[in-house]
Amino acid sequence: MEEIVRAFNYLINSGKVFYWGTSEWSATEIADAWRVAHQLGLIGPAVEQPQYNLLVRGKVEDEFRWLYEKYGTGLTVFSPLKQGILTGKYNGHQKPPQGSRLAEAKDKYTVNYSQTFGDETWQHELGQVEKLKPVAEELGVSLAQLSLAWVLKNPNVSSVITGASKPEQVTENLKALELSKTLTTETLEKIDKILGNSFEIPPRRFG
């Protein structure tokens, strides 16, 4: 860890970068990096890049819970739509529909992921997406916009990495910025109740 921290600070001191961050590190690893940085009078990781969406919440909402205030950790999250699952486009299909990333992409990861389509995990997640449709309809937005707005509503999220295969998808997704400002506590609680995957805030031993 000392070599990693020293290497990134060398880049900072050389004027090549201003800050450094991590991707898919554990809370323990991030805290360890900051411990080393503090010992050596260096700069620790400013940001972490985890997966975060309505279906994958554990790392951001539970494991990282104390990192934000202690180290000022920011989040640049990826897969906010869970590989398109949260758009609803895979609901009602026995196989990935024509034109979808899972049907068209040729990269090894996506090809392997598409082969799991329809398994128990898929069925569970598509069932959760189906339950979210009434919430989106009530707000007059798409499932994708609701999902993105929900991610943006988290105050620890600095930015969201999204992908699009068509220009109009970019335009539609950007509407989530305004929606995130109007999502009410009532709506957020309704989503938590539907999904049943939120995390309770544990008691603090120290102030």
Protein backbone atom coordinates (compact mmCIF):
# COMPACT_ATOMS: atom_id res chain seq x y z
CA MET A 1 0.00 0.00 0.00
CA GLU A 2 2.87 2.37 0.74
CA GLU A 3 4.19 1.87 -2.80
CA ILE A 4 0.75 2.62 -4.26
CA VAL A 5 0.30 5.80 -2.24
CA ARG A 6 3.85 6.97 -3.01
CA ALA A 7 3.38 6.26 -6.73
CA PHE A 8 0.23 8.34 -7.01
CA ASN A 9 1.74 11.18 -5.02
CA TYR A 10 4.72 11.12 -7.38
CA LEU A 11 2.24 11.74 -10.24
CA ILE A 12 0.68 14.60 -8.28
CA ASN A 13 4.05 16.17 -7.44
CA SER A 14 5.09 15.80 -11.10
CA GLY A 15 2.08 17.85 -12.18
CA LYS A 16 0.57 14.99 -14.17
CA VAL A 17 -2.59 14.70 -12.03
CA PHE A 18 -4.27 16.72 -9.29
CA TYR A 19 -5.82 13.88 -7.31
CA TRP A 20 -6.05 10.11 -7.37
CA GLY A 21 -8.81 7.63 -6.72
CA THR A 22 -9.68 3.96 -6.57
CA SER A 23 -12.11 1.58 -8.25
CA GLU A 24 -13.83 -1.34 -6.56
CA TRP A 25 -11.61 -1.11 -3.47
CA SER A 26 -12.93 -2.24 -0.11
CA ALA A 27 -13.49 0.20 2.74
CA THR A 28 -10.57 -1.42 4.56
CA GLU A 29 -8.23 -0.83 1.62
CA ILE A 30 -9.29 2.81 1.27
CA ALA A 31 -8.84 3.42 5.01
CA ASP A 32 -5.43 1.72 4.84
CA ALA A 33 -4.39 4.00 1.98
CA TRP A 34 -5.35 7.03 4.05
CA ARG A 35 -3.49 5.65 7.07
CA VAL A 36 -0.31 5.40 4.99
CA ALA A 37 -0.89 8.83 3.45
CA HIS A 38 -1.29 10.43 6.88
CA GLN A 39 1.84 8.72 8.20
CA LEU A 40 3.91 9.97 5.26
CA GLY A 41 2.32 13.41 4.93
CA LEU A 42 0.92 12.51 1.51
CA ILE A 43 -2.45 12.70 -0.25
CA GLY A 44 -4.88 9.78 0.01
CA PRO A 45 -7.53 8.70 -2.51
CA ALA A 46 -10.13 11.41 -3.12
CA VAL A 47 -12.71 9.27 -4.89
CA GLU A 48 -13.87 5.68 -5.26
CA GLN A 49 -15.56 4.18 -8.33
CA PRO A 50 -18.01 1.46 -7.22
CA GLN A 51 -21.05 -0.06 -8.85
CA TYR A 52 -24.18 1.57 -7.44
CA ASN A 53 -27.80 1.35 -8.46
CA LEU A 54 -31.22 0.51 -7.08
CA LEU A 55 -30.34 -3.20 -7.07
CA VAL A 56 -26.73 -2.98 -5.84
CA ARG A 57 -26.47 -0.84 -2.71
CA GLY A 58 -24.35 -2.59 -0.10
CA LYS A 59 -20.91 -1.15 -0.71
CA VAL A 60 -22.04 2.48 -1.08
CA GLU A 61 -24.69 2.57 1.64
CA ASP A 62 -23.25 0.18 4.20
CA GLU A 63 -19.56 -0.75 3.79
CA PHE A 64 -18.44 2.79 2.94
CA ARG A 65 -20.73 4.44 5.49
CA TRP A 66 -18.02 6.01 7.67
CA LEU A 67 -15.56 6.87 4.88
CA TYR A 68 -17.46 9.92 3.64
CA GLU A 69 -17.19 12.11 6.71
CA LYS A 70 -13.82 10.77 7.86
CA TYR A 71 -11.92 11.09 4.57
CA GLY A 72 -14.23 13.16 2.38
CA THR A 73 -14.53 10.25 -0.04
CA GLY A 74 -16.47 11.12 -3.18
CA LEU A 75 -18.12 8.59 -5.47
CA THR A 76 -18.03 8.31 -9.25
CA VAL A 77 -20.40 5.39 -9.65
CA PHE A 78 -20.77 3.06 -12.62
CA SER A 79 -23.61 0.87 -13.88
CA PRO A 80 -26.42 3.07 -12.49
CA LEU A 81 -28.88 1.17 -14.70
CA LYS A 82 -27.44 -2.30 -13.90
CA GLN A 83 -26.45 -3.10 -17.50
CA GLY A 84 -29.83 -1.82 -18.71
CA ILE A 85 -31.94 -3.97 -16.38
CA LEU A 86 -33.35 -0.87 -14.67
CA THR A 87 -34.66 0.55 -17.94
CA GLY A 88 -37.29 -2.20 -18.02
CA LYS A 89 -36.34 -3.18 -21.58
CA TYR A 90 -35.61 -6.78 -20.59
CA ASN A 91 -38.92 -7.36 -18.83
CA GLY A 92 -41.27 -9.71 -20.66
CA HIS A 93 -38.56 -11.30 -22.81
CA GLN A 94 -37.29 -14.86 -22.84
CA LYS A 95 -33.98 -13.73 -24.34
CA PRO A 96 -32.22 -10.35 -24.80
CA PRO A 97 -34.30 -8.34 -27.31
CA GLN A 98 -32.93 -7.20 -30.65
CA GLY A 99 -31.03 -3.93 -30.42
CA SER A 100 -30.17 -4.31 -26.74
CA ARG A 101 -26.58 -4.33 -25.56
CA LEU A 102 -26.85 -7.92 -24.35
CA ALA A 103 -28.03 -9.03 -27.80
CA GLU A 104 -25.58 -7.01 -29.88
CA ALA A 105 -22.33 -6.53 -27.89
CA LYS A 106 -19.40 -8.81 -28.72
CA ASP A 107 -17.05 -8.12 -25.82
CA LYS A 108 -16.29 -11.13 -23.61
CA TYR A 109 -17.85 -9.71 -20.43
CA THR A 110 -21.20 -8.88 -22.05
CA VAL A 111 -21.36 -12.13 -23.98
CA ASN A 112 -20.78 -14.12 -20.78
CA TYR A 113 -23.25 -11.96 -18.86
CA SER A 114 -25.93 -12.43 -21.53
CA GLN A 115 -25.67 -16.18 -21.09
CA THR A 116 -27.04 -15.82 -17.56
CA PHE A 117 -30.22 -14.21 -18.90
CA GLY A 118 -33.29 -15.81 -17.40
CA ASP A 119 -31.58 -17.43 -14.42
CA GLU A 120 -32.83 -17.05 -10.85
CA THR A 121 -30.96 -13.79 -10.25
CA TRP A 122 -32.34 -12.28 -13.44
CA GLN A 123 -35.89 -13.31 -12.58
CA HIS A 124 -35.58 -11.75 -9.12
CA GLU A 125 -34.17 -8.47 -10.44
CA LEU A 126 -36.70 -8.19 -13.27
CA GLY A 127 -39.43 -8.78 -10.71
CA GLN A 128 -38.11 -5.86 -8.66
CA VAL A 129 -38.03 -3.66 -11.77
CA GLU A 130 -41.64 -4.57 -12.54
CA LYS A 131 -42.65 -3.38 -9.05
CA LEU A 132 -40.95 -0.02 -9.67
CA LYS A 133 -43.00 0.75 -12.79
CA PRO A 134 -45.98 2.25 -10.89
CA VAL A 135 -43.63 4.67 -9.10
CA ALA A 136 -42.19 5.89 -12.41
CA GLU A 137 -45.64 6.15 -13.97
CA GLU A 138 -46.93 8.15 -11.00
CA LEU A 139 -44.09 10.64 -11.51
CA GLY A 140 -44.56 10.67 -15.29
CA VAL A 141 -40.99 9.55 -16.00
CA SER A 142 -39.23 6.53 -17.44
CA LEU A 143 -37.73 3.79 -15.30
CA ALA A 144 -34.29 4.85 -16.51
CA GLN A 145 -34.85 8.45 -15.42
CA LEU A 146 -36.16 7.34 -12.03
CA SER A 147 -33.20 5.01 -11.51
CA LEU A 148 -30.63 7.65 -12.44
CA ALA A 149 -32.35 10.33 -10.33
CA TRP A 150 -32.35 7.97 -7.35
CA VAL A 151 -28.58 7.47 -7.65
CA LEU A 152 -28.00 11.23 -7.99
CA LYS A 153 -30.10 11.85 -4.90
CA ASN A 154 -27.42 10.23 -2.74
CA PRO A 155 -25.39 13.16 -1.35
CA ASN A 156 -22.18 11.09 -1.43
CA VAL A 157 -22.37 10.57 -5.20
CA SER A 158 -20.16 13.09 -6.99
CA SER A 159 -20.86 11.89 -10.53
CA VAL A 160 -22.49 9.05 -12.45
CA ILE A 161 -20.99 7.14 -15.38
CA THR A 162 -23.66 6.32 -17.94
CA GLY A 163 -23.61 4.72 -21.35
CA ALA A 164 -25.85 5.19 -24.37
CA SER A 165 -26.14 3.56 -27.78
CA LYS A 166 -28.31 6.32 -29.24
CA PRO A 167 -28.15 10.15 -28.95
CA GLU A 168 -31.74 10.38 -27.78
CA GLN A 169 -30.88 8.18 -24.80
CA VAL A 170 -28.40 10.81 -23.64
CA THR A 171 -31.07 13.52 -23.86
CA GLU A 172 -33.60 11.42 -21.97
CA ASN A 173 -31.12 10.40 -19.28
CA LEU A 174 -30.08 13.99 -18.62
CA LYS A 175 -33.64 14.75 -17.51
CA ALA A 176 -32.82 12.74 -14.40
CA LEU A 177 -30.81 15.73 -13.14
CA GLU A 178 -33.93 17.81 -12.61
CA LEU A 179 -35.93 14.83 -11.37
CA SER A 180 -33.35 14.14 -8.66
CA LYS A 181 -34.04 17.58 -7.18
CA THR A 182 -37.76 16.82 -6.80
CA LEU A 183 -37.67 13.26 -5.46
CA THR A 184 -39.39 13.41 -2.08
CA THR A 185 -38.64 11.50 1.09
CA GLU A 186 -42.01 9.83 0.64
CA THR A 187 -41.03 8.54 -2.82
CA LEU A 188 -37.65 7.33 -1.59
CA GLU A 189 -39.29 5.47 1.29
CA LYS A 190 -41.79 3.93 -1.13
CA ILE A 191 -38.91 2.66 -3.29
CA ASP A 192 -37.14 1.22 -0.24
CA LYS A 193 -40.31 -0.59 0.79
CA ILE A 194 -40.78 -2.03 -2.70
CA LEU A 195 -37.22 -3.27 -3.06
CA GLY A 196 -36.60 -4.26 0.56
CA ASN A 197 -32.83 -3.84 0.18
CA SER A 198 -32.05 -0.70 2.16
CA PHE A 199 -29.66 -0.65 5.12
CA GLU A 200 -30.34 0.48 8.66
CA ILE A 201 -27.92 3.01 10.13
CA PRO A 202 -26.06 1.25 12.95
CA PRO A 203 -25.57 3.01 16.29
CA ARG A 204 -22.33 4.95 16.69
CA ARG A 205 -19.98 4.01 19.51
CA PHE A 206 -18.29 7.41 19.40
CA GLY A 207 -19.65 10.86 18.54
